[in-house]
PDB file of N, CA and C in Angstrom:
ATOM      1  N   MET A   1     207.382 208.520 314.402  1.00  0.00           N
ATOM      2  CA  MET A   1     206.539 208.753 312.950  1.00  0.00           C
ATOM      3  C   MET A   1     207.492 208.096 312.163  1.00  0.00           C
ATOM      4  N   SER A   2     206.624 208.048 311.072  1.00  0.00           N
ATOM      5  CA  SER A   2     207.303 208.182 310.051  1.00  0.00           C
ATOM      6  C   SER A   2     208.099 208.690 308.815  1.00  0.00           C
ATOM      7  N   ASN A   3     209.215 208.412 308.453  1.00  0.00           N
ATOM      8  CA  ASN A   3     209.740 209.646 307.883  1.00  0.00           C
ATOM      9  C   ASN A   3     209.549 209.693 306.199  1.00  0.00           C
ATOM     10  N   VAL A   4     208.473 208.931 305.647  1.00  0.00           N
ATOM     11  CA  VAL A   4     208.262 208.493 304.476  1.00  0.00           C
ATOM     12  C   VAL A   4     207.420 209.377 304.357  1.00  0.00           C
ATOM     13  N   LEU A   5     207.421 209.886 302.661  1.00  0.00           N
ATOM     14  CA  LEU A   5     207.408 211.051 302.342  1.00  0.00           C
ATOM     15  C   LEU A   5     205.752 210.868 302.586  1.00  0.00           C
ATOM     16  N   GLY A   6     204.877 211.455 303.063  1.00  0.00           N
ATOM     17  CA  GLY A   6     203.369 211.792 303.010  1.00  0.00           C
ATOM     18  C   GLY A   6     203.138 210.907 304.312  1.00  0.00           C
ATOM     19  N   GLY A   7     203.960 210.692 305.090  1.00  0.00           N
ATOM     20  CA  GLY A   7     203.731 209.797 306.333  1.00  0.00           C
ATOM     21  C   GLY A   7     203.145 210.919 307.487  1.00  0.00           C
ATOM     22  N   VAL A   8     202.154 210.035 308.674  1.00  0.00           N
ATOM     23  CA  VAL A   8     202.309 211.397 309.493  1.00  0.00           C
ATOM     24  C   VAL A   8     203.492 211.481 310.289  1.00  0.00           C
ATOM     25  N   ARG A   9     203.458 211.679 311.235  1.00  0.00           N
ATOM     26  CA  ARG A   9     205.145 211.981 312.731  1.00  0.00           C
ATOM     27  C   ARG A   9     204.885 213.402 313.000  1.00  0.00           C
ATOM     28  N   ASP A  10     205.462 213.332 313.880  1.00  0.00           N
ATOM     29  CA  ASP A  10     205.199 214.123 315.304  1.00  0.00           C
ATOM     30  C   ASP A  10     206.279 215.949 314.964  1.00  0.00           C
ATOM     31  N   SER A  11     205.213 216.628 315.210  1.00  0.00           N
ATOM     32  CA  SER A  11     205.568 217.569 314.761  1.00  0.00           C
ATOM     33  C   SER A  11     206.490 218.686 315.058  1.00  0.00           C
ATOM     34  N   HIS A  12     207.507 218.575 314.611  1.00  0.00           N
ATOM     35  CA  HIS A  12     209.407 220.044 315.566  1.00  0.00           C
ATOM     36  C   HIS A  12     208.876 221.083 315.311  1.00  0.00           C
ATOM     37  N   GLU A  13     208.148 221.533 314.039  1.00  0.00           N
ATOM     38  CA  GLU A  13     208.239 222.545 314.240  1.00  0.00           C
ATOM     39  C   GLU A  13     207.050 223.358 314.772  1.00  0.00           C
ATOM     40  N   SER A  14     206.440 222.934 314.616  1.00  0.00           N
ATOM     41  CA  SER A  14     204.920 223.142 315.755  1.00  0.00           C
ATOM     42  C   SER A  14     204.219 222.344 316.576  1.00  0.00           C
ATOM     43  N   SER A  15     205.158 222.559 317.735  1.00  0.00           N
ATOM     44  CA  SER A  15     204.897 221.626 318.863  1.00  0.00           C
ATOM     45  C   SER A  15     203.399 222.157 319.526  1.00  0.00           C
ATOM     46  N   GLU A  16     202.685 221.551 320.909  1.00  0.00           N
ATOM     47  CA  GLU A  16     201.697 221.251 320.922  1.00  0.00           C
ATOM     48  C   GLU A  16     201.613 223.321 321.937  1.00  0.00           C
ATOM     49  N   ASN A  17     202.760 223.499 322.150  1.00  0.00           N
ATOM     50  CA  ASN A  17     202.868 224.902 322.669  1.00  0.00           C
ATOM     51  C   ASN A  17     202.925 225.810 321.856  1.00  0.00           C
ATOM     52  N   SER A  18     202.917 225.609 320.484  1.00  0.00           N
ATOM     53  CA  SER A  18     203.411 227.221 319.373  1.00  0.00           C
ATOM     54  C   SER A  18     202.366 227.641 319.170  1.00  0.00           C
ATOM     55  N   LEU A  19     202.383 228.733 318.619  1.00  0.00           N
ATOM     56  CA  LEU A  19     201.442 229.640 318.579  1.00  0.00           C
ATOM     57  C   LEU A  19     200.322 229.930 316.942  1.00  0.00           C
ATOM     58  N   GLU A  20     202.328 228.755 316.172  1.00  0.00           N
ATOM     59  CA  GLU A  20     200.921 228.013 315.210  1.00  0.00           C
ATOM     60  C   GLU A  20     199.778 226.998 315.354  1.00  0.00           C
ATOM     61  N   THR A  21     200.299 225.866 316.027  1.00  0.00           N
ATOM     62  CA  THR A  21     199.375 224.691 316.526  1.00  0.00           C
ATOM     63  C   THR A  21     198.071 225.913 317.016  1.00  0.00           C
ATOM     64  N   GLU A  22     198.322 226.452 317.966  1.00  0.00           N
ATOM     65  CA  GLU A  22     196.929 226.807 318.996  1.00  0.00           C
ATOM     66  C   GLU A  22     196.172 227.506 318.236  1.00  0.00           C
ATOM     67  N   THR A  23     196.861 228.057 316.841  1.00  0.00           N
ATOM     68  CA  THR A  23     196.004 228.754 316.152  1.00  0.00           C
ATOM     69  C   THR A  23     195.384 227.855 315.641  1.00  0.00           C
ATOM     70  N   ILE A  24     196.118 226.662 314.929  1.00  0.00           N
ATOM     71  CA  ILE A  24     195.157 226.423 314.124  1.00  0.00           C
ATOM     72  C   ILE A  24     194.406 224.963 314.783  1.00  0.00           C
ATOM     73  N   ALA A  25     194.110 224.672 316.235  1.00  0.00           N
ATOM     74  CA  ALA A  25     193.630 224.035 317.031  1.00  0.00           C
ATOM     75  C   ALA A  25     192.383 225.085 317.194  1.00  0.00           C
ATOM     76  N   ARG A  26     193.283 226.435 317.507  1.00  0.00           N
ATOM     77  CA  ARG A  26     191.116 227.260 317.875  1.00  0.00           C
ATOM     78  C   ARG A  26     190.688 227.556 316.669  1.00  0.00           C
ATOM     79  N   PHE A  27     190.895 227.264 314.846  1.00  0.00           N
ATOM     80  CA  PHE A  27     190.174 227.143 313.806  1.00  0.00           C
ATOM     81  C   PHE A  27     189.675 225.928 313.938  1.00  0.00           C
ATOM     82  N   ALA A  28     189.852 224.588 314.357  1.00  0.00           N
ATOM     83  CA  ALA A  28     188.849 223.790 314.220  1.00  0.00           C
ATOM     84  C   ALA A  28     187.984 223.438 315.596  1.00  0.00           C
ATOM     85  N   VAL A  29     188.223 223.697 316.755  1.00  0.00           N
ATOM     86  CA  VAL A  29     186.633 224.463 317.208  1.00  0.00           C
ATOM     87  C   VAL A  29     186.266 225.165 316.359  1.00  0.00           C
ATOM     88  N   ASP A  30     186.137 226.343 316.539  1.00  0.00           N
ATOM     89  CA  ASP A  30     185.748 227.808 315.588  1.00  0.00           C
ATOM     90  C   ASP A  30     184.698 226.461 314.516  1.00  0.00           C
ATOM     91  N   GLU A  31     185.337 226.194 313.984  1.00  0.00           N
ATOM     92  CA  GLU A  31     184.893 225.467 312.722  1.00  0.00           C
ATOM     93  C   GLU A  31     183.603 224.506 313.026  1.00  0.00           C
ATOM     94  N   HIS A  32     184.852 223.428 313.271  1.00  0.00           N
ATOM     95  CA  HIS A  32     183.270 222.885 314.542  1.00  0.00           C
ATOM     96  C   HIS A  32     181.556 222.821 315.090  1.00  0.00           C
ATOM     97  N   ASN A  33     181.735 224.258 315.487  1.00  0.00           N
ATOM     98  CA  ASN A  33     181.597 225.374 316.343  1.00  0.00           C
ATOM     99  C   ASN A  33     180.229 225.476 314.975  1.00  0.00           C
ATOM    100  N   LYS A  34     181.070 225.879 314.247  1.00  0.00           N
ATOM    101  CA  LYS A  34     180.109 226.812 313.014  1.00  0.00           C
ATOM    102  C   LYS A  34     179.131 225.725 312.298  1.00  0.00           C
ATOM    103  N   LYS A  35     179.747 224.932 312.389  1.00  0.00           N
ATOM    104  CA  LYS A  35     178.876 223.706 311.701  1.00  0.00           C
ATOM    105  C   LYS A  35     178.594 222.636 312.196  1.00  0.00           C
ATOM    106  N   GLU A  36     178.289 222.570 313.143  1.00  0.00           N
ATOM    107  CA  GLU A  36     177.056 221.702 314.416  1.00  0.00           C
ATOM    108  C   GLU A  36     176.567 223.213 315.001  1.00  0.00           C
ATOM    109  N   ASN A  37     177.114 223.822 314.858  1.00  0.00           N
ATOM    110  CA  ASN A  37     175.585 225.322 316.077  1.00  0.00           C
ATOM    111  C   ASN A  37     175.955 224.512 317.153  1.00  0.00           C
ATOM    112  N   ALA A  38     177.240 224.053 317.374  1.00  0.00           N
ATOM    113  CA  ALA A  38     178.242 223.761 319.538  1.00  0.00           C
ATOM    114  C   ALA A  38     178.204 225.119 319.847  1.00  0.00           C
ATOM    115  N   VAL A  39     179.049 224.880 320.972  1.00  0.00           N
ATOM    116  CA  VAL A  39     179.652 225.939 322.028  1.00  0.00           C
ATOM    117  C   VAL A  39     180.906 225.080 322.718  1.00  0.00           C
ATOM    118  N   LEU A  40     181.240 224.115 321.704  1.00  0.00           N
ATOM    119  CA  LEU A  40     182.796 223.775 322.503  1.00  0.00           C
ATOM    120  C   LEU A  40     184.497 225.040 322.848  1.00  0.00           C
ATOM    121  N   GLU A  41     184.649 225.368 323.850  1.00  0.00           N
ATOM    122  CA  GLU A  41     186.078 226.345 324.076  1.00  0.00           C
ATOM    123  C   GLU A  41     187.416 225.195 324.026  1.00  0.00           C
ATOM    124  N   PHE A  42     188.368 226.076 323.402  1.00  0.00           N
ATOM    125  CA  PHE A  42     189.221 225.373 323.157  1.00  0.00           C
ATOM    126  C   PHE A  42     189.769 225.484 324.047  1.00  0.00           C
ATOM    127  N   GLY A  43     190.433 224.317 325.513  1.00  0.00           N
ATOM    128  CA  GLY A  43     191.526 224.009 326.137  1.00  0.00           C
ATOM    129  C   GLY A  43     192.713 224.361 326.312  1.00  0.00           C
ATOM    130  N   ARG A  44     192.833 223.498 325.296  1.00  0.00           N
ATOM    131  CA  ARG A  44     194.644 222.949 324.884  1.00  0.00           C
ATOM    132  C   ARG A  44     194.216 221.724 323.783  1.00  0.00           C
ATOM    133  N   VAL A  45     196.197 222.053 323.176  1.00  0.00           N
ATOM    134  CA  VAL A  45     196.761 221.121 322.360  1.00  0.00           C
ATOM    135  C   VAL A  45     197.390 219.928 323.327  1.00  0.00           C
ATOM    136  N   LEU A  46     196.604 218.624 323.238  1.00  0.00           N
ATOM    137  CA  LEU A  46     197.725 217.443 324.279  1.00  0.00           C
ATOM    138  C   LEU A  46     198.496 217.065 323.074  1.00  0.00           C
ATOM    139  N   LYS A  47     198.324 216.820 322.142  1.00  0.00           N
ATOM    140  CA  LYS A  47     199.493 215.798 320.924  1.00  0.00           C
ATOM    141  C   LYS A  47     199.728 217.143 319.814  1.00  0.00           C
ATOM    142  N   ALA A  48     200.212 216.823 318.370  1.00  0.00           N
ATOM    143  CA  ALA A  48     200.264 217.139 317.198  1.00  0.00           C
ATOM    144  C   ALA A  48     201.223 216.177 316.591  1.00  0.00           C
ATOM    145  N   LYS A  49     200.759 216.637 315.608  1.00  0.00           N
ATOM    146  CA  LYS A  49     201.401 215.499 314.522  1.00  0.00           C
ATOM    147  C   LYS A  49     201.233 216.415 313.381  1.00  0.00           C
ATOM    148  N   GLU A  50     201.810 216.311 312.219  1.00  0.00           N
ATOM    149  CA  GLU A  50     201.676 216.772 310.799  1.00  0.00           C
ATOM    150  C   GLU A  50     201.593 215.396 309.540  1.00  0.00           C
ATOM    151  N   GLN A  51     201.583 215.824 308.821  1.00  0.00           N
ATOM    152  CA  GLN A  51     202.009 214.697 307.687  1.00  0.00           C
ATOM    153  C   GLN A  51     201.754 215.867 305.994  1.00  0.00           C
ATOM    154  N   VAL A  52     202.619 215.783 305.569  1.00  0.00           N
ATOM    155  CA  VAL A  52     202.897 216.674 304.134  1.00  0.00           C
ATOM    156  C   VAL A  52     202.307 215.759 302.827  1.00  0.00           C
ATOM    157  N   VAL A  53     200.322 216.483 302.270  1.00  0.00           N
ATOM    158  CA  VAL A  53     199.800 216.327 301.604  1.00  0.00           C
ATOM    159  C   VAL A  53     199.394 217.341 300.439  1.00  0.00           C
ATOM    160  N   ALA A  54     200.480 217.390 299.871  1.00  0.00           N
ATOM    161  CA  ALA A  54     198.925 219.007 299.476  1.00  0.00           C
ATOM    162  C   ALA A  54     199.324 220.627 300.570  1.00  0.00           C
ATOM    163  N   GLY A  55     200.282 220.496 300.944  1.00  0.00           N
ATOM    164  CA  GLY A  55     200.402 221.623 301.887  1.00  0.00           C
ATOM    165  C   GLY A  55     200.521 220.716 303.325  1.00  0.00           C
ATOM    166  N   LYS A  56     200.109 221.153 304.803  1.00  0.00           N
ATOM    167  CA  LYS A  56     200.769 220.090 305.415  1.00  0.00           C
ATOM    168  C   LYS A  56     198.580 219.220 306.832  1.00  0.00           C
ATOM    169  N   LEU A  57     198.638 218.173 306.535  1.00  0.00           N
ATOM    170  CA  LEU A  57     197.610 218.103 307.269  1.00  0.00           C
ATOM    171  C   LEU A  57     198.320 217.753 308.710  1.00  0.00           C
ATOM    172  N   HIS A  58     197.671 218.481 309.636  1.00  0.00           N
ATOM    173  CA  HIS A  58     197.905 218.552 311.101  1.00  0.00           C
ATOM    174  C   HIS A  58     196.861 217.741 311.652  1.00  0.00           C
ATOM    175  N   HIS A  59     197.191 216.561 312.733  1.00  0.00           N
ATOM    176  CA  HIS A  59     196.802 215.689 313.344  1.00  0.00           C
ATOM    177  C   HIS A  59     196.888 216.615 314.829  1.00  0.00           C
ATOM    178  N   LEU A  60     195.512 216.539 315.184  1.00  0.00           N
ATOM    179  CA  LEU A  60     195.873 217.311 316.757  1.00  0.00           C
ATOM    180  C   LEU A  60     194.728 216.683 317.569  1.00  0.00           C
ATOM    181  N   THR A  61     195.037 216.040 319.097  1.00  0.00           N
ATOM    182  CA  THR A  61     194.369 216.315 319.733  1.00  0.00           C
ATOM    183  C   THR A  61     194.069 217.429 320.648  1.00  0.00           C
ATOM    184  N   LEU A  62     193.042 217.263 321.442  1.00  0.00           N
ATOM    185  CA  LEU A  62     192.673 218.734 321.596  1.00  0.00           C
ATOM    186  C   LEU A  62     191.672 217.904 323.227  1.00  0.00           C
ATOM    187  N   GLU A  63     192.241 219.431 323.963  1.00  0.00           N
ATOM    188  CA  GLU A  63     190.869 219.648 324.607  1.00  0.00           C
ATOM    189  C   GLU A  63     190.271 220.585 325.114  1.00  0.00           C
ATOM    190  N   VAL A  64     189.146 220.117 325.013  1.00  0.00           N
ATOM    191  CA  VAL A  64     188.068 220.941 325.192  1.00  0.00           C
ATOM    192  C   VAL A  64     187.098 221.090 326.227  1.00  0.00           C
ATOM    193  N   ILE A  65     186.639 221.759 326.161  1.00  0.00           N
ATOM    194  CA  ILE A  65     184.961 222.228 327.361  1.00  0.00           C
ATOM    195  C   ILE A  65     184.094 222.215 326.432  1.00  0.00           C
ATOM    196  N   ASP A  66     183.516 221.289 326.800  1.00  0.00           N
ATOM    197  CA  ASP A  66     182.173 220.719 326.719  1.00  0.00           C
ATOM    198  C   ASP A  66     180.779 221.013 328.094  1.00  0.00           C
ATOM    199  N   ALA A  67     180.493 222.229 328.340  1.00  0.00           N
ATOM    200  CA  ALA A  67     179.077 222.973 328.897  1.00  0.00           C
ATOM    201  C   ALA A  67     179.998 222.827 330.488  1.00  0.00           C
ATOM    202  N   GLY A  68     180.741 222.859 330.451  1.00  0.00           N
ATOM    203  CA  GLY A  68     181.956 223.366 331.232  1.00  0.00           C
ATOM    204  C   GLY A  68     182.320 221.987 331.663  1.00  0.00           C
ATOM    205  N   GLU A  69     182.741 220.654 331.369  1.00  0.00           N
ATOM    206  CA  GLU A  69     183.286 219.369 331.055  1.00  0.00           C
ATOM    207  C   GLU A  69     184.269 219.760 330.562  1.00  0.00           C
ATOM    208  N   LYS A  70     185.982 219.028 330.921  1.00  0.00           N
ATOM    209  CA  LYS A  70     186.783 218.908 329.230  1.00  0.00           C
ATOM    210  C   LYS A  70     186.645 217.480 329.062  1.00  0.00           C
ATOM    211  N   LYS A  71     187.068 217.625 327.525  1.00  0.00           N
ATOM    212  CA  LYS A  71     186.635 216.906 326.212  1.00  0.00           C
ATOM    213  C   LYS A  71     187.722 216.483 325.761  1.00  0.00           C
ATOM    214  N   ILE A  72     188.085 215.051 325.795  1.00  0.00           N
ATOM    215  CA  ILE A  72     188.846 215.230 324.337  1.00  0.00           C
ATOM    216  C   ILE A  72     188.622 214.586 322.874  1.00  0.00           C
ATOM    217  N   TYR A  73     188.884 215.613 321.814  1.00  0.00           N
ATOM    218  CA  TYR A  73     188.988 215.818 320.721  1.00  0.00           C
ATOM    219  C   TYR A  73     189.671 215.679 319.829  1.00  0.00           C
ATOM    220  N   GLU A  74     189.799 214.654 318.571  1.00  0.00           N
ATOM    221  CA  GLU A  74     190.943 213.984 317.617  1.00  0.00           C
ATOM    222  C   GLU A  74     190.816 215.450 316.027  1.00  0.00           C
ATOM    223  N   ALA A  75     191.468 216.237 315.854  1.00  0.00           N
ATOM    224  CA  ALA A  75     191.514 217.420 314.818  1.00  0.00           C
ATOM    225  C   ALA A  75     191.914 217.323 313.200  1.00  0.00           C
ATOM    226  N   LYS A  76     191.830 217.157 312.456  1.00  0.00           N
ATOM    227  CA  LYS A  76     192.286 217.069 310.994  1.00  0.00           C
ATOM    228  C   LYS A  76     192.267 218.651 310.621  1.00  0.00           C
ATOM    229  N   VAL A  77     193.076 219.496 310.265  1.00  0.00           N
ATOM    230  CA  VAL A  77     192.718 221.167 309.635  1.00  0.00           C
ATOM    231  C   VAL A  77     194.442 220.850 308.715  1.00  0.00           C
ATOM    232  N   SER A  78     193.682 221.025 307.404  1.00  0.00           N
ATOM    233  CA  SER A  78     194.525 220.666 305.854  1.00  0.00           C
ATOM    234  C   SER A  78     194.835 222.517 306.092  1.00  0.00           C
ATOM    235  N   VAL A  79     195.648 222.704 305.887  1.00  0.00           N
ATOM    236  CA  VAL A  79     196.357 224.508 305.756  1.00  0.00           C
ATOM    237  C   VAL A  79     197.588 224.882 304.683  1.00  0.00           C
ATOM    238  N   LYS A  80     197.353 225.244 303.584  1.00  0.00           N
ATOM    239  CA  LYS A  80     197.825 225.650 302.469  1.00  0.00           C
ATOM    240  C   LYS A  80     198.053 226.562 301.971  1.00  0.00           C
ATOM    241  N   ALA A  81     199.552 227.008 302.885  1.00  0.00           N
ATOM    242  CA  ALA A  81     199.854 228.822 303.175  1.00  0.00           C
ATOM    243  C   ALA A  81     200.262 229.520 301.856  1.00  0.00           C
ATOM    244  N   TRP A  82     200.981 228.781 300.791  1.00  0.00           N
ATOM    245  CA  TRP A  82     200.256 229.629 299.536  1.00  0.00           C
ATOM    246  C   TRP A  82     199.409 230.158 299.020  1.00  0.00           C
ATOM    247  N   GLU A  83     197.889 228.924 299.541  1.00  0.00           N
ATOM    248  CA  GLU A  83     196.294 230.184 299.510  1.00  0.00           C
ATOM    249  C   GLU A  83     196.236 230.748 300.167  1.00  0.00           C
ATOM    250  N   ASN A  84     197.156 230.493 301.657  1.00  0.00           N
ATOM    251  CA  ASN A  84     196.346 231.484 302.735  1.00  0.00           C
ATOM    252  C   ASN A  84     195.067 230.040 302.754  1.00  0.00           C
ATOM    253  N   SER A  85     195.002 228.954 303.190  1.00  0.00           N
ATOM    254  CA  SER A  85     193.393 228.486 303.576  1.00  0.00           C
ATOM    255  C   SER A  85     193.635 228.160 304.269  1.00  0.00           C
ATOM    256  N   LYS A  86     193.064 227.957 305.137  1.00  0.00           N
ATOM    257  CA  LYS A  86     193.022 226.411 306.021  1.00  0.00           C
ATOM    258  C   LYS A  86     191.725 225.662 306.317  1.00  0.00           C
ATOM    259  N   GLU A  87     191.342 223.825 306.279  1.00  0.00           N
ATOM    260  CA  GLU A  87     189.931 223.906 306.072  1.00  0.00           C
ATOM    261  C   GLU A  87     190.129 222.629 307.006  1.00  0.00           C
ATOM    262  N   LEU A  88     189.211 222.656 307.990  1.00  0.00           N
ATOM    263  CA  LEU A  88     188.483 221.561 308.952  1.00  0.00           C
ATOM    264  C   LEU A  88     188.077 220.658 308.050  1.00  0.00           C
ATOM    265  N   VAL A  89     189.075 218.723 308.132  1.00  0.00           N
ATOM    266  CA  VAL A  89     188.716 217.981 307.700  1.00  0.00           C
ATOM    267  C   VAL A  89     188.773 216.710 308.225  1.00  0.00           C
ATOM    268  N   GLU A  90     188.509 216.480 309.700  1.00  0.00           N
ATOM    269  CA  GLU A  90     187.794 216.019 310.152  1.00  0.00           C
ATOM    270  C   GLU A  90     187.725 216.404 311.941  1.00  0.00           C
ATOM    271  N   PHE A  91     186.492 216.185 312.655  1.00  0.00           N
ATOM    272  CA  PHE A  91     186.906 216.867 314.005  1.00  0.00           C
ATOM    273  C   PHE A  91     185.556 215.528 314.916  1.00  0.00           C
ATOM    274  N   THR A  92     186.294 214.654 315.564  1.00  0.00           N
ATOM    275  CA  THR A  92     185.855 213.657 316.302  1.00  0.00           C
ATOM    276  C   THR A  92     185.560 213.609 318.109  1.00  0.00           C
ATOM    277  N   HIS A  93     184.776 213.101 318.309  1.00  0.00           N
ATOM    278  CA  HIS A  93     185.409 213.064 320.223  1.00  0.00           C
ATOM    279  C   HIS A  93     185.796 211.521 320.128  1.00  0.00           C
ATOM    280  N   ALA A  94     187.121 212.304 320.998  1.00  0.00           N
ATOM    281  CA  ALA A  94     188.010 210.662 321.312  1.00  0.00           C
ATOM    282  C   ALA A  94     188.269 209.201 321.385  1.00  0.00           C
ATOM    283  N   ASN A  95     186.727 208.797 321.403  1.00  0.00           N
ATOM    284  CA  ASN A  95     186.008 208.250 321.863  1.00  0.00           C
ATOM    285  C   ASN A  95     185.476 207.532 321.382  1.00  0.00           C
ATOM    286  N   GLU A  96     184.573 208.487 320.493  1.00  0.00           N
ATOM    287  CA  GLU A  96     184.078 207.503 319.001  1.00  0.00           C
ATOM    288  C   GLU A  96     184.661 206.758 317.615  1.00  0.00           C
TER     289      GLU A  96
END
């Protein structure tokens, strides 16, 4: 994608199959469920990108299970490792 500072790029160190990416993706689904009183289940990460902006902003495309049906969602999670913090910034259905 972009090599410009602050640009969104494919995630090399934390690919779709990495433990770090899966942990962040599960966090996104759990936080969404808490905020919306929902019962989505994590399925898998379909795509992972990242952006360096006062930490890392992870852009994830997720497959989740909603009442037995697979659905695609887009999530953005801000991670500040030096503060040991994660924040769900956005979680939307891919078709919205």
